[in-house]
């Protein structure tokens, strides 16, 4: 596991998809919300806890 986090823009949409270094993912249209979610590690849901999209 690395400490790299990534935020990708989904072309053709206003959506961002963030991936935490723990493997959890989160989608949002708000970049501030995305970074708050990233910085909340480890308090955000882990991949096995994420609800189905």
PDB file of N, CA and C in Angstrom:
ATOM      1  N   UNK A   1       0.857  -1.183   0.000  1.00  0.00           N
ATOM      2  CA  UNK A   1       0.000   0.000   0.000  1.00  0.00           C
ATOM      3  C   UNK A   1       0.899   1.240   0.000  1.00  0.00           C
ATOM      4  N   UNK A   2       0.576   2.201  -0.856  1.00  0.00           N
ATOM      5  CA  UNK A   2       1.329   3.451  -0.905  1.00  0.00           C
ATOM      6  C   UNK A   2       0.513   4.556  -0.247  1.00  0.00           C
ATOM      7  N   UNK A   3       1.129   5.708  -0.081  1.00  0.00           N
ATOM      8  CA  UNK A   3       0.401   6.832   0.517  1.00  0.00           C
ATOM      9  C   UNK A   3      -0.087   7.806  -0.555  1.00  0.00           C
ATOM     10  N   UNK A   4      -0.150   7.358  -1.790  1.00  0.00           N
ATOM     11  CA  UNK A   4      -0.597   8.199  -2.902  1.00  0.00           C
ATOM     12  C   UNK A   4      -2.117   8.219  -2.952  1.00  0.00           C
ATOM     13  N   UNK A   5      -2.667   9.417  -3.091  1.00  0.00           N
ATOM     14  CA  UNK A   5      -4.105   9.574  -3.321  1.00  0.00           C
ATOM     15  C   UNK A   5      -4.266  10.161  -4.714  1.00  0.00           C
ATOM     16  N   UNK A   6      -5.370   9.834  -5.358  1.00  0.00           N
ATOM     17  CA  UNK A   6      -5.587  10.306  -6.722  1.00  0.00           C
ATOM     18  C   UNK A   6      -7.004  10.854  -6.859  1.00  0.00           C
ATOM     19  N   UNK A   7      -7.111  11.908  -7.643  1.00  0.00           N
ATOM     20  CA  UNK A   7      -8.421  12.435  -8.013  1.00  0.00           C
ATOM     21  C   UNK A   7      -8.441  12.534  -9.530  1.00  0.00           C
ATOM     22  N   UNK A   8      -9.412  11.871 -10.135  1.00  0.00           N
ATOM     23  CA  UNK A   8      -9.558  11.863 -11.588  1.00  0.00           C
ATOM     24  C   UNK A   8     -10.837  12.586 -11.965  1.00  0.00           C
ATOM     25  N   UNK A   9     -10.752  13.379 -13.008  1.00  0.00           N
ATOM     26  CA  UNK A   9     -11.934  13.987 -13.606  1.00  0.00           C
ATOM     27  C   UNK A   9     -12.496  12.980 -14.590  1.00  0.00           C
ATOM     28  N   UNK A  10     -13.797  12.763 -14.556  1.00  0.00           N
ATOM     29  CA  UNK A  10     -14.454  11.848 -15.481  1.00  0.00           C
ATOM     30  C   UNK A  10     -14.885  12.654 -16.705  1.00  0.00           C
ATOM     31  N   UNK A  11     -14.175  12.516 -17.833  1.00  0.00           N
ATOM     32  CA  UNK A  11     -14.455  13.312 -19.033  1.00  0.00           C
ATOM     33  C   UNK A  11     -15.925  13.246 -19.451  1.00  0.00           C
ATOM     34  N   UNK A  12     -16.430  14.388 -19.878  1.00  0.00           N
ATOM     35  CA  UNK A  12     -17.819  14.477 -20.309  1.00  0.00           C
ATOM     36  C   UNK A  12     -18.797  14.700 -19.171  1.00  0.00           C
ATOM     37  N   UNK A  13     -18.280  14.822 -17.948  1.00  0.00           N
ATOM     38  CA  UNK A  13     -19.125  15.053 -16.776  1.00  0.00           C
ATOM     39  C   UNK A  13     -18.492  16.134 -15.914  1.00  0.00           C
ATOM     40  N   UNK A  14     -19.185  16.503 -14.849  1.00  0.00           N
ATOM     41  CA  UNK A  14     -18.625  17.396 -13.838  1.00  0.00           C
ATOM     42  C   UNK A  14     -18.138  16.593 -12.638  1.00  0.00           C
ATOM     43  N   UNK A  15     -18.059  15.272 -12.763  1.00  0.00           N
ATOM     44  CA  UNK A  15     -17.739  14.381 -11.644  1.00  0.00           C
ATOM     45  C   UNK A  15     -16.238  14.185 -11.482  1.00  0.00           C
ATOM     46  N   UNK A  16     -15.836  14.065 -10.234  1.00  0.00           N
ATOM     47  CA  UNK A  16     -14.478  13.697  -9.860  1.00  0.00           C
ATOM     48  C   UNK A  16     -14.552  12.355  -9.155  1.00  0.00           C
ATOM     49  N   UNK A  17     -13.553  11.523  -9.344  1.00  0.00           N
ATOM     50  CA  UNK A  17     -13.476  10.241  -8.657  1.00  0.00           C
ATOM     51  C   UNK A  17     -12.167  10.208  -7.901  1.00  0.00           C
ATOM     52  N   UNK A  18     -12.260  10.132  -6.582  1.00  0.00           N
ATOM     53  CA  UNK A  18     -11.074  10.092  -5.746  1.00  0.00           C
ATOM     54  C   UNK A  18     -10.803   8.684  -5.267  1.00  0.00           C
ATOM     55  N   UNK A  19      -9.516   8.334  -5.220  1.00  0.00           N
ATOM     56  CA  UNK A  19      -9.091   7.045  -4.699  1.00  0.00           C
ATOM     57  C   UNK A  19      -8.076   7.299  -3.600  1.00  0.00           C
ATOM     58  N   UNK A  20      -8.389   6.842  -2.398  1.00  0.00           N
ATOM     59  CA  UNK A  20      -7.505   6.987  -1.246  1.00  0.00           C
ATOM     60  C   UNK A  20      -6.421   5.915  -1.307  1.00  0.00           C
ATOM     61  N   UNK A  21      -5.338   6.129  -0.592  1.00  0.00           N
ATOM     62  CA  UNK A  21      -4.271   5.132  -0.568  1.00  0.00           C
ATOM     63  C   UNK A  21      -4.712   3.817   0.055  1.00  0.00           C
ATOM     64  N   UNK A  22      -5.840   3.810   0.791  1.00  0.00           N
ATOM     65  CA  UNK A  22      -6.347   2.570   1.388  1.00  0.00           C
ATOM     66  C   UNK A  22      -7.222   1.792   0.408  1.00  0.00           C
ATOM     67  N   UNK A  23      -7.497   2.377  -0.764  1.00  0.00           N
ATOM     68  CA  UNK A  23      -8.304   1.707  -1.772  1.00  0.00           C
ATOM     69  C   UNK A  23      -9.745   2.183  -1.834  1.00  0.00           C
ATOM     70  N   UNK A  24     -10.191   2.953  -0.853  1.00  0.00           N
ATOM     71  CA  UNK A  24     -11.563   3.473  -0.859  1.00  0.00           C
ATOM     72  C   UNK A  24     -11.713   4.487  -1.989  1.00  0.00           C
ATOM     73  N   UNK A  25     -12.913   4.546  -2.580  1.00  0.00           N
ATOM     74  CA  UNK A  25     -13.192   5.496  -3.644  1.00  0.00           C
ATOM     75  C   UNK A  25     -14.426   6.315  -3.294  1.00  0.00           C
ATOM     76  N   UNK A  26     -14.453   7.541  -3.836  1.00  0.00           N
ATOM     77  CA  UNK A  26     -15.563   8.451  -3.573  1.00  0.00           C
ATOM     78  C   UNK A  26     -15.745   9.327  -4.800  1.00  0.00           C
ATOM     79  N   UNK A  27     -16.981   9.563  -5.186  1.00  0.00           N
ATOM     80  CA  UNK A  27     -17.281  10.433  -6.313  1.00  0.00           C
ATOM     81  C   UNK A  27     -17.982  11.687  -5.841  1.00  0.00           C
ATOM     82  N   UNK A  28     -17.683  12.811  -6.495  1.00  0.00           N
ATOM     83  CA  UNK A  28     -18.295  14.084  -6.131  1.00  0.00           C
ATOM     84  C   UNK A  28     -18.113  15.072  -7.279  1.00  0.00           C
ATOM     85  N   UNK A  29     -18.964  16.091  -7.313  1.00  0.00           N
ATOM     86  CA  UNK A  29     -18.788  17.190  -8.260  1.00  0.00           C
ATOM     87  C   UNK A  29     -18.045  18.350  -7.608  1.00  0.00           C
ATOM     88  N   UNK A  30     -17.861  18.299  -6.303  1.00  0.00           N
ATOM     89  CA  UNK A  30     -17.267  19.396  -5.544  1.00  0.00           C
ATOM     90  C   UNK A  30     -15.828  19.050  -5.150  1.00  0.00           C
ATOM     91  N   UNK A  31     -14.829  19.778  -5.678  1.00  0.00           N
ATOM     92  CA  UNK A  31     -13.443  19.472  -5.338  1.00  0.00           C
ATOM     93  C   UNK A  31     -13.134  19.635  -3.847  1.00  0.00           C
ATOM     94  N   UNK A  32     -13.780  20.594  -3.189  1.00  0.00           N
ATOM     95  CA  UNK A  32     -13.547  20.781  -1.754  1.00  0.00           C
ATOM     96  C   UNK A  32     -14.049  19.566  -0.978  1.00  0.00           C
ATOM     97  N   UNK A  33     -15.249  19.082  -1.318  1.00  0.00           N
ATOM     98  CA  UNK A  33     -15.778  17.883  -0.666  1.00  0.00           C
ATOM     99  C   UNK A  33     -14.843  16.698  -0.889  1.00  0.00           C
ATOM    100  N   UNK A  34     -14.299  16.597  -2.098  1.00  0.00           N
ATOM    101  CA  UNK A  34     -13.397  15.488  -2.415  1.00  0.00           C
ATOM    102  C   UNK A  34     -12.162  15.521  -1.533  1.00  0.00           C
ATOM    103  N   UNK A  35     -11.534  16.690  -1.388  1.00  0.00           N
ATOM    104  CA  UNK A  35     -10.334  16.774  -0.555  1.00  0.00           C
ATOM    105  C   UNK A  35     -10.664  16.569   0.917  1.00  0.00           C
ATOM    106  N   UNK A  36     -11.809  17.062   1.379  1.00  0.00           N
ATOM    107  CA  UNK A  36     -12.200  16.805   2.768  1.00  0.00           C
ATOM    108  C   UNK A  36     -12.354  15.311   3.003  1.00  0.00           C
ATOM    109  N   UNK A  37     -12.934  14.598   2.029  1.00  0.00           N
ATOM    110  CA  UNK A  37     -13.089  13.151   2.146  1.00  0.00           C
ATOM    111  C   UNK A  37     -11.717  12.481   2.198  1.00  0.00           C
ATOM    112  N   UNK A  38     -10.804  12.909   1.319  1.00  0.00           N
ATOM    113  CA  UNK A  38      -9.451  12.329   1.301  1.00  0.00           C
ATOM    114  C   UNK A  38      -8.745  12.543   2.636  1.00  0.00           C
ATOM    115  N   UNK A  39      -8.832  13.756   3.152  1.00  0.00           N
ATOM    116  CA  UNK A  39      -8.123  14.090   4.387  1.00  0.00           C
ATOM    117  C   UNK A  39      -8.767  13.472   5.619  1.00  0.00           C
ATOM    118  N   UNK A  40      -9.980  12.937   5.482  1.00  0.00           N
ATOM    119  CA  UNK A  40     -10.665  12.302   6.614  1.00  0.00           C
ATOM    120  C   UNK A  40     -10.144  10.894   6.888  1.00  0.00           C
ATOM    121  N   UNK A  41      -9.238  10.362   6.049  1.00  0.00           N
ATOM    122  CA  UNK A  41      -8.701   9.008   6.269  1.00  0.00           C
ATOM    123  C   UNK A  41      -8.166   8.920   7.689  1.00  0.00           C
ATOM    124  N   UNK A  42      -8.478   7.921   8.451  1.00  0.00           N
ATOM    125  CA  UNK A  42      -9.164   6.677   8.111  1.00  0.00           C
ATOM    126  C   UNK A  42     -10.652   6.696   8.447  1.00  0.00           C
ATOM    127  N   UNK A  43     -11.257   7.863   8.600  1.00  0.00           N
ATOM    128  CA  UNK A  43     -12.659   7.935   9.023  1.00  0.00           C
ATOM    129  C   UNK A  43     -13.664   7.833   7.882  1.00  0.00           C
ATOM    130  N   UNK A  44     -13.214   7.716   6.649  1.00  0.00           N
ATOM    131  CA  UNK A  44     -14.157   7.502   5.545  1.00  0.00           C
ATOM    132  C   UNK A  44     -14.348   5.998   5.352  1.00  0.00           C
ATOM    133  N   UNK A  45     -15.438   5.604   4.692  1.00  0.00           N
ATOM    134  CA  UNK A  45     -15.680   4.167   4.493  1.00  0.00           C
ATOM    135  C   UNK A  45     -14.562   3.509   3.694  1.00  0.00           C
ATOM    136  N   UNK A  46     -14.190   2.298   4.097  1.00  0.00           N
ATOM    137  CA  UNK A  46     -13.200   1.516   3.357  1.00  0.00           C
ATOM    138  C   UNK A  46     -13.922   0.802   2.217  1.00  0.00           C
ATOM    139  N   UNK A  47     -13.200   0.257   1.246  1.00  0.00           N
ATOM    140  CA  UNK A  47     -13.855  -0.340   0.069  1.00  0.00           C
ATOM    141  C   UNK A  47     -14.943  -1.354   0.400  1.00  0.00           C
ATOM    142  N   UNK A  48     -14.742  -2.196   1.387  1.00  0.00           N
ATOM    143  CA  UNK A  48     -15.757  -3.199   1.718  1.00  0.00           C
ATOM    144  C   UNK A  48     -16.970  -2.596   2.416  1.00  0.00           C
ATOM    145  N   UNK A  49     -16.874  -1.333   2.876  1.00  0.00           N
ATOM    146  CA  UNK A  49     -17.979  -0.670   3.561  1.00  0.00           C
ATOM    147  C   UNK A  49     -18.757   0.255   2.636  1.00  0.00           C
ATOM    148  N   UNK A  50     -18.201   0.569   1.462  1.00  0.00           N
ATOM    149  CA  UNK A  50     -18.864   1.502   0.552  1.00  0.00           C
ATOM    150  C   UNK A  50     -20.193   0.941   0.079  1.00  0.00           C
ATOM    151  N   UNK A  51     -21.249   1.749   0.123  1.00  0.00           N
ATOM    152  CA  UNK A  51     -22.528   1.295  -0.426  1.00  0.00           C
ATOM    153  C   UNK A  51     -22.442   1.183  -1.942  1.00  0.00           C
ATOM    154  N   UNK A  52     -23.268   0.376  -2.517  1.00  0.00           N
ATOM    155  CA  UNK A  52     -23.283   0.212  -3.973  1.00  0.00           C
ATOM    156  C   UNK A  52     -23.692   1.526  -4.628  1.00  0.00           C
ATOM    157  N   UNK A  53     -23.052   1.899  -5.757  1.00  0.00           N
ATOM    158  CA  UNK A  53     -23.377   3.180  -6.417  1.00  0.00           C
ATOM    159  C   UNK A  53     -24.760   3.205  -7.024  1.00  0.00           C
TER     160      UNK A  53
END
